[in-house]
Amino acid sequence: MLLTLTRRLGDDAHTPGSLLIGAQTYSTIELPWRDDKPDESCVPHGDYELHPYQSPEKGLVYRLHAPALGVYGFGEVPPGGRSAIEIHPGNWARQSLGCILIGWAAGELFDEECGRMMPAVLQSDAAMLYVRRLLGATDTHQLTITGY
């Protein structure tokens, strides 16, 4: 299945986006672009393979793999490469180490860590459950990231 993530310009703390899977659109939130720094930046635009991965902490998630872009979902990671970039549940960009967090809608939620309302994706666990049903636990898919 082909997935398309279209990013929009955010601020210095987050990058919002829309992920199209089949006929369903999900909201996403990521870290902002910070020169592709591991654990601090969203990943580069481009084409990725998306592989199912059973995370010990998050259950079934989907890992991005595109060696040409320096992103590795499996195997040995060369110096300067990034690994373990996933689509997984979460609400705020700060909960991502370069990953893509998914929800049913974009909005704001009170973030106890900073004590104020922050941009977020909503109903993340429910959205991820639906994505798991669509993508399954064994097939590889294609993801294209575009935008801003």
Protein backbone atom coordinates (compact mmCIF):
# COMPACT_ATOMS: atom_id res chain seq x y z
CA MET A 1 0.00 0.00 0.00
CA LEU A 2 1.20 3.53 -0.73
CA LEU A 3 1.11 6.08 2.09
CA THR A 4 1.65 9.81 1.57
CA LEU A 5 2.66 12.21 4.34
CA THR A 6 2.26 15.89 3.50
CA ARG A 7 3.92 18.18 6.02
CA ARG A 8 2.97 21.77 6.78
CA LEU A 9 5.21 24.46 8.18
CA GLY A 10 5.06 24.39 11.97
CA ASP A 11 7.06 26.30 14.52
CA ASP A 12 10.33 25.70 16.32
CA ALA A 13 8.77 22.89 18.39
CA HIS A 14 6.66 20.85 15.96
CA THR A 15 5.81 19.97 12.36
CA PRO A 16 2.16 19.15 11.62
CA GLY A 17 1.11 16.96 8.73
CA SER A 18 -1.53 14.78 7.12
CA LEU A 19 -0.98 11.09 6.39
CA LEU A 20 -3.10 9.53 3.65
CA ILE A 21 -3.54 5.75 3.85
CA GLY A 22 -6.02 4.46 1.31
CA ALA A 23 -9.05 6.73 1.61
CA GLN A 24 -8.37 7.69 5.25
CA THR A 25 -6.48 10.81 6.34
CA TYR A 26 -4.76 10.99 9.72
CA SER A 27 -3.12 13.92 11.47
CA THR A 28 0.57 13.72 12.31
CA ILE A 29 3.00 15.64 14.44
CA GLU A 30 6.79 15.51 14.32
CA LEU A 31 9.78 17.43 15.51
CA PRO A 32 10.75 20.40 13.32
CA TRP A 33 13.50 20.16 10.72
CA ARG A 34 16.82 20.54 12.53
CA ASP A 35 19.33 19.60 9.83
CA ASP A 36 18.52 15.89 10.10
CA LYS A 37 20.07 15.62 13.59
CA PRO A 38 19.30 12.24 15.19
CA ASP A 39 16.70 12.41 17.97
CA GLU A 40 16.15 16.16 17.30
CA SER A 41 14.82 16.44 13.75
CA CYS A 42 12.12 15.05 11.53
CA VAL A 43 13.44 12.88 8.71
CA PRO A 44 14.13 14.22 5.20
CA HIS A 45 11.48 14.33 2.48
CA GLY A 46 11.58 11.41 0.10
CA ASP A 47 10.52 7.83 -0.49
CA TYR A 48 10.73 5.18 2.22
CA GLU A 49 9.95 1.53 2.71
CA LEU A 50 7.72 1.02 5.74
CA HIS A 51 8.31 -2.20 7.68
CA PRO A 52 6.21 -3.59 10.55
CA TYR A 53 8.16 -3.85 13.79
CA GLN A 54 7.12 -5.23 17.16
CA SER A 55 8.34 -2.62 19.63
CA PRO A 56 8.77 -3.81 23.23
CA GLU A 57 7.38 -0.47 24.46
CA LYS A 58 4.76 0.46 21.83
CA GLY A 59 3.58 -2.82 20.30
CA LEU A 60 3.23 -3.03 16.53
CA VAL A 61 4.71 0.07 14.87
CA TYR A 62 6.10 0.82 11.41
CA ARG A 63 9.78 1.61 10.80
CA LEU A 64 11.04 3.78 7.97
CA HIS A 65 13.87 2.46 5.79
CA ALA A 66 15.63 4.47 3.05
CA PRO A 67 19.41 4.01 2.98
CA ALA A 68 19.70 6.65 0.23
CA LEU A 69 18.31 9.17 2.76
CA GLY A 70 20.43 7.88 5.64
CA VAL A 71 17.50 6.22 7.44
CA TYR A 72 17.73 2.56 8.43
CA GLY A 73 14.83 0.51 9.77
CA PHE A 74 16.97 -2.57 10.23
CA GLY A 75 20.50 -3.81 9.73
CA GLU A 76 23.76 -2.09 10.47
CA VAL A 77 23.64 1.70 10.62
CA PRO A 78 26.68 3.50 9.20
CA PRO A 79 28.13 6.53 11.01
CA GLY A 80 25.86 9.54 10.55
CA GLY A 81 22.85 7.34 9.74
CA ARG A 82 19.57 7.38 11.62
CA SER A 83 17.70 4.35 12.90
CA ALA A 84 14.50 3.35 14.69
CA ILE A 85 12.40 6.06 13.01
CA GLU A 86 8.82 4.88 13.44
CA ILE A 87 5.18 5.71 12.94
CA HIS A 88 3.75 5.20 16.43
CA PRO A 89 1.20 6.60 18.88
CA GLY A 90 1.88 9.73 20.91
CA ASN A 91 0.43 13.20 21.35
CA TRP A 92 3.16 15.86 21.41
CA ALA A 93 6.22 16.28 19.19
CA ARG A 94 8.41 16.12 22.30
CA GLN A 95 7.41 12.44 22.61
CA SER A 96 9.19 11.76 19.35
CA LEU A 97 12.88 11.12 18.79
CA GLY A 98 12.53 11.86 15.09
CA CYS A 99 9.47 9.63 14.69
CA ILE A 100 6.03 10.35 13.21
CA LEU A 101 3.18 10.45 15.73
CA ILE A 102 -0.30 9.77 14.40
CA GLY A 103 -3.83 10.72 15.52
CA TRP A 104 -7.37 11.11 14.25
CA ALA A 105 -7.18 14.91 14.34
CA ALA A 106 -4.88 17.80 15.15
CA GLY A 107 -5.55 20.10 18.08
CA GLU A 108 -4.13 21.10 21.41
CA LEU A 109 -3.81 19.19 24.66
CA PHE A 110 -2.66 20.31 28.08
CA ASP A 111 0.93 19.17 28.48
CA GLU A 112 1.75 18.64 32.16
CA GLU A 113 5.47 18.68 31.40
CA CYS A 114 5.41 22.35 30.34
CA GLY A 115 2.18 23.36 32.12
CA ARG A 116 0.27 24.71 29.10
CA MET A 117 -1.75 23.80 26.04
CA MET A 118 0.46 22.53 23.22
CA PRO A 119 -0.10 21.44 19.61
CA ALA A 120 -0.89 17.72 19.55
CA VAL A 121 -2.52 14.89 17.69
CA LEU A 122 -5.71 13.60 19.28
CA GLN A 123 -6.96 10.04 19.83
CA SER A 124 -3.57 8.66 18.90
CA ASP A 125 -4.02 5.15 20.30
CA ALA A 126 -7.34 4.71 18.49
CA ALA A 127 -5.87 5.96 15.20
CA MET A 128 -2.88 3.63 15.55
CA LEU A 129 -5.19 0.67 16.16
CA TYR A 130 -6.95 1.40 12.88
CA VAL A 131 -3.62 1.81 11.02
CA ARG A 132 -2.49 -1.57 12.34
CA ARG A 133 -5.64 -3.15 10.93
CA LEU A 134 -5.06 -1.50 7.55
CA LEU A 135 -1.34 -2.22 7.21
CA GLY A 136 -1.07 -5.51 9.05
CA ALA A 137 1.90 -7.05 10.80
CA THR A 138 3.79 -8.64 7.90
CA ASP A 139 3.65 -6.57 4.69
CA THR A 140 6.09 -3.88 3.62
CA HIS A 141 4.52 -0.64 2.37
CA GLN A 142 5.73 2.51 0.60
CA LEU A 143 5.74 5.96 2.23
CA THR A 144 6.35 9.23 0.41
CA ILE A 145 7.01 12.34 2.50
CA THR A 146 6.42 15.73 0.86
CA GLY A 147 5.48 19.25 1.87
CA TYR A 148 6.60 22.63 3.02
